[in-house]
C-alpha cells in the first residue's frame, strides 16, 4: 500500500519538489486516518504507543493502521 501521495506536504509534489516546512508528523498521520474514514476516537487510540521517529509520518501511519487492523 503506497500512501506517499496521501502524505505529501500540501503544495509539494509527492515525487519531490521545493523544500518546504514539513507539517507535524502526528497531525499529518491523524489527517490521513480521518480522510480514510476513521473516527477521531479511533485515530486517537491508534496513534497511542508509537515510539518511532517523531518526524516519520509514514511510520506513524503504518503503526496506527496496524493497531486499527488488529495487528500488534
PDB file of N, CA and C in Angstrom:
ATOM      1  N   UNK A   1       0.854  -1.169   0.000  1.00  0.00           N
ATOM      2  CA  UNK A   1       0.000   0.000   0.000  1.00  0.00           C
ATOM      3  C   UNK A   1       0.895   1.226   0.000  1.00  0.00           C
ATOM      4  N   UNK A   2       0.763   2.043  -1.020  1.00  0.00           N
ATOM      5  CA  UNK A   2       1.605   3.228  -1.140  1.00  0.00           C
ATOM      6  C   UNK A   2       0.772   4.461  -0.844  1.00  0.00           C
ATOM      7  N   UNK A   3       1.111   5.141   0.224  1.00  0.00           N
ATOM      8  CA  UNK A   3       0.368   6.328   0.637  1.00  0.00           C
ATOM      9  C   UNK A   3       1.179   7.595   0.467  1.00  0.00           C
ATOM     10  N   UNK A   4       2.248   7.526  -0.311  1.00  0.00           N
ATOM     11  CA  UNK A   4       3.120   8.681  -0.473  1.00  0.00           C
ATOM     12  C   UNK A   4       2.348   9.892  -0.959  1.00  0.00           C
ATOM     13  N   UNK A   5       1.461   9.705  -1.941  1.00  0.00           N
ATOM     14  CA  UNK A   5       0.707  10.841  -2.459  1.00  0.00           C
ATOM     15  C   UNK A   5      -0.279  11.382  -1.437  1.00  0.00           C
ATOM     16  N   UNK A   6      -0.697  10.554  -0.490  1.00  0.00           N
ATOM     17  CA  UNK A   6      -1.622  10.995   0.558  1.00  0.00           C
ATOM     18  C   UNK A   6      -0.890  11.745   1.668  1.00  0.00           C
ATOM     19  N   UNK A   7       0.416  11.489   1.816  1.00  0.00           N
ATOM     20  CA  UNK A   7       1.171  12.081   2.909  1.00  0.00           C
ATOM     21  C   UNK A   7       2.088  13.214   2.479  1.00  0.00           C
ATOM     22  N   UNK A   8       2.088  13.556   1.201  1.00  0.00           N
ATOM     23  CA  UNK A   8       2.949  14.644   0.735  1.00  0.00           C
ATOM     24  C   UNK A   8       2.472  15.957   1.340  1.00  0.00           C
ATOM     25  N   UNK A   9       3.406  16.806   1.651  1.00  0.00           N
ATOM     26  CA  UNK A   9       3.061  18.116   2.203  1.00  0.00           C
ATOM     27  C   UNK A   9       2.245  18.899   1.187  1.00  0.00           C
ATOM     28  N   UNK A  10       1.250  19.657   1.628  1.00  0.00           N
ATOM     29  CA  UNK A  10       0.451  20.438   0.694  1.00  0.00           C
ATOM     30  C   UNK A  10       1.336  21.365  -0.138  1.00  0.00           C
ATOM     31  N   UNK A  11       1.081  21.369  -1.425  1.00  0.00           N
ATOM     32  CA  UNK A  11       1.835  22.237  -2.312  1.00  0.00           C
ATOM     33  C   UNK A  11       3.148  21.657  -2.780  1.00  0.00           C
ATOM     34  N   UNK A  12       3.467  20.436  -2.347  1.00  0.00           N
ATOM     35  CA  UNK A  12       4.708  19.785  -2.746  1.00  0.00           C
ATOM     36  C   UNK A  12       4.335  18.495  -3.454  1.00  0.00           C
ATOM     37  N   UNK A  13       4.865  18.282  -4.633  1.00  0.00           N
ATOM     38  CA  UNK A  13       4.578  17.067  -5.379  1.00  0.00           C
ATOM     39  C   UNK A  13       5.117  15.866  -4.618  1.00  0.00           C
ATOM     40  N   UNK A  14       4.426  14.738  -4.727  1.00  0.00           N
ATOM     41  CA  UNK A  14       4.827  13.540  -3.997  1.00  0.00           C
ATOM     42  C   UNK A  14       6.206  13.057  -4.429  1.00  0.00           C
ATOM     43  N   UNK A  15       6.577  13.300  -5.669  1.00  0.00           N
ATOM     44  CA  UNK A  15       7.859  12.843  -6.164  1.00  0.00           C
ATOM     45  C   UNK A  15       9.014  13.734  -5.779  1.00  0.00           C
ATOM     46  N   UNK A  16       8.781  14.799  -5.099  1.00  0.00           N
ATOM     47  CA  UNK A  16       9.843  15.718  -4.698  1.00  0.00           C
ATOM     48  C   UNK A  16       9.388  17.143  -4.917  1.00  0.00           C
ATOM     49  N   UNK A  17      10.314  18.032  -5.086  1.00  0.00           N
ATOM     50  CA  UNK A  17       9.953  19.419  -5.304  1.00  0.00           C
ATOM     51  C   UNK A  17      10.708  20.302  -4.351  1.00  0.00           C
ATOM     52  N   UNK A  18      10.294  21.531  -4.302  1.00  0.00           N
ATOM     53  CA  UNK A  18      10.959  22.500  -3.443  1.00  0.00           C
ATOM     54  C   UNK A  18      10.817  22.096  -1.984  1.00  0.00           C
ATOM     55  N   UNK A  19      11.868  22.334  -1.237  1.00  0.00           N
ATOM     56  CA  UNK A  19      11.829  22.030   0.188  1.00  0.00           C
ATOM     57  C   UNK A  19      10.864  22.995   0.864  1.00  0.00           C
ATOM     58  N   UNK A  20       9.995  22.437   1.654  1.00  0.00           N
ATOM     59  CA  UNK A  20       9.019  23.242   2.376  1.00  0.00           C
ATOM     60  C   UNK A  20       9.035  22.792   3.823  1.00  0.00           C
ATOM     61  N   UNK A  21       8.505  23.609   4.697  1.00  0.00           N
ATOM     62  CA  UNK A  21       8.425  23.237   6.100  1.00  0.00           C
ATOM     63  C   UNK A  21       7.526  22.017   6.218  1.00  0.00           C
ATOM     64  N   UNK A  22       8.041  20.939   6.794  1.00  0.00           N
ATOM     65  CA  UNK A  22       7.271  19.704   6.928  1.00  0.00           C
ATOM     66  C   UNK A  22       6.214  19.882   8.007  1.00  0.00           C
ATOM     67  N   UNK A  23       4.991  19.462   7.719  1.00  0.00           N
ATOM     68  CA  UNK A  23       3.963  19.554   8.752  1.00  0.00           C
ATOM     69  C   UNK A  23       4.251  18.564   9.863  1.00  0.00           C
ATOM     70  N   UNK A  24       3.677  18.781  10.990  1.00  0.00           N
ATOM     71  CA  UNK A  24       3.842  17.896  12.127  1.00  0.00           C
ATOM     72  C   UNK A  24       3.407  16.486  11.736  1.00  0.00           C
ATOM     73  N   UNK A  25       4.269  15.504  11.947  1.00  0.00           N
ATOM     74  CA  UNK A  25       4.001  14.130  11.523  1.00  0.00           C
ATOM     75  C   UNK A  25       2.750  13.565  12.192  1.00  0.00           C
ATOM     76  N   UNK A  26       2.549  13.856  13.444  1.00  0.00           N
ATOM     77  CA  UNK A  26       1.373  13.348  14.147  1.00  0.00           C
ATOM     78  C   UNK A  26       0.109  13.912  13.533  1.00  0.00           C
ATOM     79  N   UNK A  27       0.097  15.211  13.274  1.00  0.00           N
ATOM     80  CA  UNK A  27      -1.076  15.833  12.659  1.00  0.00           C
ATOM     81  C   UNK A  27      -1.300  15.287  11.252  1.00  0.00           C
ATOM     82  N   UNK A  28      -0.225  15.091  10.525  1.00  0.00           N
ATOM     83  CA  UNK A  28      -0.318  14.563   9.163  1.00  0.00           C
ATOM     84  C   UNK A  28      -0.923  13.156   9.172  1.00  0.00           C
ATOM     85  N   UNK A  29      -0.458  12.317  10.068  1.00  0.00           N
ATOM     86  CA  UNK A  29      -0.987  10.955  10.166  1.00  0.00           C
ATOM     87  C   UNK A  29      -2.448  10.973  10.604  1.00  0.00           C
ATOM     88  N   UNK A  30      -2.769  11.817  11.560  1.00  0.00           N
ATOM     89  CA  UNK A  30      -4.170  11.937  12.009  1.00  0.00           C
ATOM     90  C   UNK A  30      -5.078  12.351  10.863  1.00  0.00           C
ATOM     91  N   UNK A  31      -4.662  13.348  10.106  1.00  0.00           N
ATOM     92  CA  UNK A  31      -5.470  13.822   8.985  1.00  0.00           C
ATOM     93  C   UNK A  31      -5.657  12.725   7.940  1.00  0.00           C
ATOM     94  N   UNK A  32      -4.618  11.945   7.679  1.00  0.00           N
ATOM     95  CA  UNK A  32      -4.715  10.851   6.714  1.00  0.00           C
ATOM     96  C   UNK A  32      -5.710   9.798   7.193  1.00  0.00           C
ATOM     97  N   UNK A  33      -5.652   9.461   8.475  1.00  0.00           N
ATOM     98  CA  UNK A  33      -6.581   8.469   9.022  1.00  0.00           C
ATOM     99  C   UNK A  33      -8.018   8.972   8.997  1.00  0.00           C
ATOM    100  N   UNK A  34      -8.212  10.231   9.326  1.00  0.00           N
ATOM    101  CA  UNK A  34      -9.556  10.814   9.259  1.00  0.00           C
ATOM    102  C   UNK A  34     -10.076  10.805   7.825  1.00  0.00           C
ATOM    103  N   UNK A  35      -9.193  11.091   6.871  1.00  0.00           N
ATOM    104  CA  UNK A  35      -9.581  11.088   5.461  1.00  0.00           C
ATOM    105  C   UNK A  35      -9.957   9.682   4.995  1.00  0.00           C
ATOM    106  N   UNK A  36      -9.399   8.660   5.652  1.00  0.00           N
ATOM    107  CA  UNK A  36      -9.722   7.275   5.319  1.00  0.00           C
ATOM    108  C   UNK A  36     -11.054   6.845   5.920  1.00  0.00           C
ATOM    109  N   UNK A  37     -11.646   7.699   6.743  1.00  0.00           N
ATOM    110  CA  UNK A  37     -12.961   7.403   7.298  1.00  0.00           C
ATOM    111  C   UNK A  37     -12.971   6.936   8.737  1.00  0.00           C
ATOM    112  N   UNK A  38     -11.817   6.921   9.396  1.00  0.00           N
ATOM    113  CA  UNK A  38     -11.787   6.536  10.802  1.00  0.00           C
ATOM    114  C   UNK A  38     -12.296   7.698  11.653  1.00  0.00           C
ATOM    115  N   UNK A  39     -12.919   7.369  12.779  1.00  0.00           N
ATOM    116  CA  UNK A  39     -13.425   8.403  13.675  1.00  0.00           C
ATOM    117  C   UNK A  39     -12.274   9.029  14.462  1.00  0.00           C
ATOM    118  N   UNK A  40     -12.516  10.185  15.029  1.00  0.00           N
ATOM    119  CA  UNK A  40     -11.492  10.864  15.820  1.00  0.00           C
ATOM    120  C   UNK A  40     -11.080  10.013  17.023  1.00  0.00           C
ATOM    121  N   UNK A  41     -12.035   9.306  17.631  1.00  0.00           N
ATOM    122  CA  UNK A  41     -11.719   8.441  18.772  1.00  0.00           C
ATOM    123  C   UNK A  41     -10.839   7.272  18.335  1.00  0.00           C
ATOM    124  N   UNK A  42     -11.142   6.685  17.183  1.00  0.00           N
ATOM    125  CA  UNK A  42     -10.326   5.581  16.676  1.00  0.00           C
ATOM    126  C   UNK A  42      -8.907   6.052  16.380  1.00  0.00           C
ATOM    127  N   UNK A  43      -8.803   7.236  15.784  1.00  0.00           N
ATOM    128  CA  UNK A  43      -7.499   7.798  15.438  1.00  0.00           C
ATOM    129  C   UNK A  43      -6.681   8.051  16.700  1.00  0.00           C
ATOM    130  N   UNK A  44      -7.315   8.645  17.710  1.00  0.00           N
ATOM    131  CA  UNK A  44      -6.606   8.944  18.956  1.00  0.00           C
ATOM    132  C   UNK A  44      -6.065   7.672  19.597  1.00  0.00           C
ATOM    133  N   UNK A  45      -6.853   6.615  19.591  1.00  0.00           N
ATOM    134  CA  UNK A  45      -6.418   5.349  20.160  1.00  0.00           C
ATOM    135  C   UNK A  45      -5.311   4.724  19.323  1.00  0.00           C
ATOM    136  N   UNK A  46      -5.433   4.816  18.009  1.00  0.00           N
ATOM    137  CA  UNK A  46      -4.485   4.161  17.099  1.00  0.00           C
ATOM    138  C   UNK A  46      -3.084   4.758  17.168  1.00  0.00           C
ATOM    139  N   UNK A  47      -2.960   6.055  17.388  1.00  0.00           N
ATOM    140  CA  UNK A  47      -1.637   6.680  17.380  1.00  0.00           C
ATOM    141  C   UNK A  47      -0.924   6.569  18.725  1.00  0.00           C
ATOM    142  N   UNK A  48      -1.631   6.122  19.763  1.00  0.00           N
ATOM    143  CA  UNK A  48      -1.000   5.944  21.073  1.00  0.00           C
ATOM    144  C   UNK A  48       0.030   4.832  21.016  1.00  0.00           C
ATOM    145  N   UNK A  49       1.086   4.987  21.761  1.00  0.00           N
ATOM    146  CA  UNK A  49       2.086   3.951  21.881  1.00  0.00           C
ATOM    147  C   UNK A  49       3.147   3.949  20.790  1.00  0.00           C
ATOM    148  N   UNK A  50       3.098   4.897  19.888  1.00  0.00           N
ATOM    149  CA  UNK A  50       4.106   4.968  18.835  1.00  0.00           C
ATOM    150  C   UNK A  50       5.408   5.459  19.440  1.00  0.00           C
ATOM    151  N   UNK A  51       6.491   4.712  19.230  1.00  0.00           N
ATOM    152  CA  UNK A  51       7.774   5.102  19.811  1.00  0.00           C
ATOM    153  C   UNK A  51       8.863   5.275  18.754  1.00  0.00           C
ATOM    154  N   UNK A  52       8.460   5.454  17.503  1.00  0.00           N
ATOM    155  CA  UNK A  52       9.424   5.659  16.419  1.00  0.00           C
ATOM    156  C   UNK A  52       9.823   7.120  16.315  1.00  0.00           C
ATOM    157  N   UNK A  53      10.436   7.451  15.189  1.00  0.00           N
ATOM    158  CA  UNK A  53      10.891   8.822  14.942  1.00  0.00           C
ATOM    159  C   UNK A  53       9.697   9.769  14.901  1.00  0.00           C
ATOM    160  N   UNK A  54       9.739  10.847  15.680  1.00  0.00           N
ATOM    161  CA  UNK A  54       8.598  11.759  15.753  1.00  0.00           C
ATOM    162  C   UNK A  54       8.343  12.522  14.454  1.00  0.00           C
ATOM    163  N   UNK A  55       9.279  12.488  13.529  1.00  0.00           N
ATOM    164  CA  UNK A  55       9.094  13.200  12.270  1.00  0.00           C
ATOM    165  C   UNK A  55       8.710  12.270  11.124  1.00  0.00           C
ATOM    166  N   UNK A  56       8.533  10.978  11.408  1.00  0.00           N
ATOM    167  CA  UNK A  56       8.234   9.997  10.368  1.00  0.00           C
ATOM    168  C   UNK A  56       6.735   9.704  10.316  1.00  0.00           C
ATOM    169  N   UNK A  57       6.016  10.499   9.530  1.00  0.00           N
ATOM    170  CA  UNK A  57       4.565  10.358   9.437  1.00  0.00           C
ATOM    171  C   UNK A  57       4.167   9.018   8.830  1.00  0.00           C
ATOM    172  N   UNK A  58       4.943   8.518   7.881  1.00  0.00           N
ATOM    173  CA  UNK A  58       4.608   7.244   7.250  1.00  0.00           C
ATOM    174  C   UNK A  58       4.710   6.090   8.246  1.00  0.00           C
ATOM    175  N   UNK A  59       5.747   6.086   9.075  1.00  0.00           N
ATOM    176  CA  UNK A  59       5.891   5.039  10.082  1.00  0.00           C
ATOM    177  C   UNK A  59       4.776   5.132  11.122  1.00  0.00           C
ATOM    178  N   UNK A  60       4.428   6.337  11.498  1.00  0.00           N
ATOM    179  CA  UNK A  60       3.331   6.533  12.447  1.00  0.00           C
ATOM    180  C   UNK A  60       2.023   6.038  11.851  1.00  0.00           C
ATOM    181  N   UNK A  61       1.796   6.322  10.589  1.00  0.00           N
ATOM    182  CA  UNK A  61       0.582   5.879   9.928  1.00  0.00           C
ATOM    183  C   UNK A  61       0.540   4.352   9.835  1.00  0.00           C
ATOM    184  N   UNK A  62       1.665   3.730   9.512  1.00  0.00           N
ATOM    185  CA  UNK A  62       1.716   2.258   9.481  1.00  0.00           C
ATOM    186  C   UNK A  62       1.392   1.682  10.860  1.00  0.00           C
ATOM    187  N   UNK A  63       1.962   2.283  11.900  1.00  0.00           N
ATOM    188  CA  UNK A  63       1.698   1.853  13.282  1.00  0.00           C
ATOM    189  C   UNK A  63       0.194   1.930  13.573  1.00  0.00           C
ATOM    190  N   UNK A  64      -0.398   3.061  13.243  1.00  0.00           N
ATOM    191  CA  UNK A  64      -1.819   3.269  13.515  1.00  0.00           C
ATOM    192  C   UNK A  64      -2.694   2.296  12.732  1.00  0.00           C
ATOM    193  N   UNK A  65      -2.367   2.065  11.474  1.00  0.00           N
ATOM    194  CA  UNK A  65      -3.153   1.147  10.658  1.00  0.00           C
ATOM    195  C   UNK A  65      -3.056  -0.294  11.176  1.00  0.00           C
ATOM    196  N   UNK A  66      -1.876  -0.666  11.664  1.00  0.00           N
ATOM    197  CA  UNK A  66      -1.736  -1.998  12.260  1.00  0.00           C
ATOM    198  C   UNK A  66      -2.638  -2.112  13.489  1.00  0.00           C
ATOM    199  N   UNK A  67      -2.644  -1.075  14.307  1.00  0.00           N
ATOM    200  CA  UNK A  67      -3.487  -1.107  15.508  1.00  0.00           C
ATOM    201  C   UNK A  67      -4.962  -1.129  15.153  1.00  0.00           C
ATOM    202  N   UNK A  68      -5.345  -0.375  14.143  1.00  0.00           N
ATOM    203  CA  UNK A  68      -6.739  -0.339  13.720  1.00  0.00           C
ATOM    204  C   UNK A  68      -7.166  -1.657  13.085  1.00  0.00           C
ATOM    205  N   UNK A  69      -6.199  -2.329  12.453  1.00  0.00           N
ATOM    206  CA  UNK A  69      -6.496  -3.595  11.804  1.00  0.00           C
ATOM    207  C   UNK A  69      -6.392  -4.797  12.731  1.00  0.00           C
ATOM    208  N   UNK A  70      -6.065  -4.566  13.972  1.00  0.00           N
ATOM    209  CA  UNK A  70      -5.973  -5.650  14.933  1.00  0.00           C
ATOM    210  C   UNK A  70      -4.595  -6.274  15.031  1.00  0.00           C
ATOM    211  N   UNK A  71      -3.622  -5.731  14.274  1.00  0.00           N
ATOM    212  CA  UNK A  71      -2.257  -6.248  14.352  1.00  0.00           C
ATOM    213  C   UNK A  71      -1.562  -5.716  15.587  1.00  0.00           C
ATOM    214  N   UNK A  72      -0.366  -6.202  15.854  1.00  0.00           N
ATOM    215  CA  UNK A  72       0.334  -5.733  17.055  1.00  0.00           C
ATOM    216  C   UNK A  72       1.332  -4.674  16.786  1.00  0.00           C
TER     217      UNK A  72
END
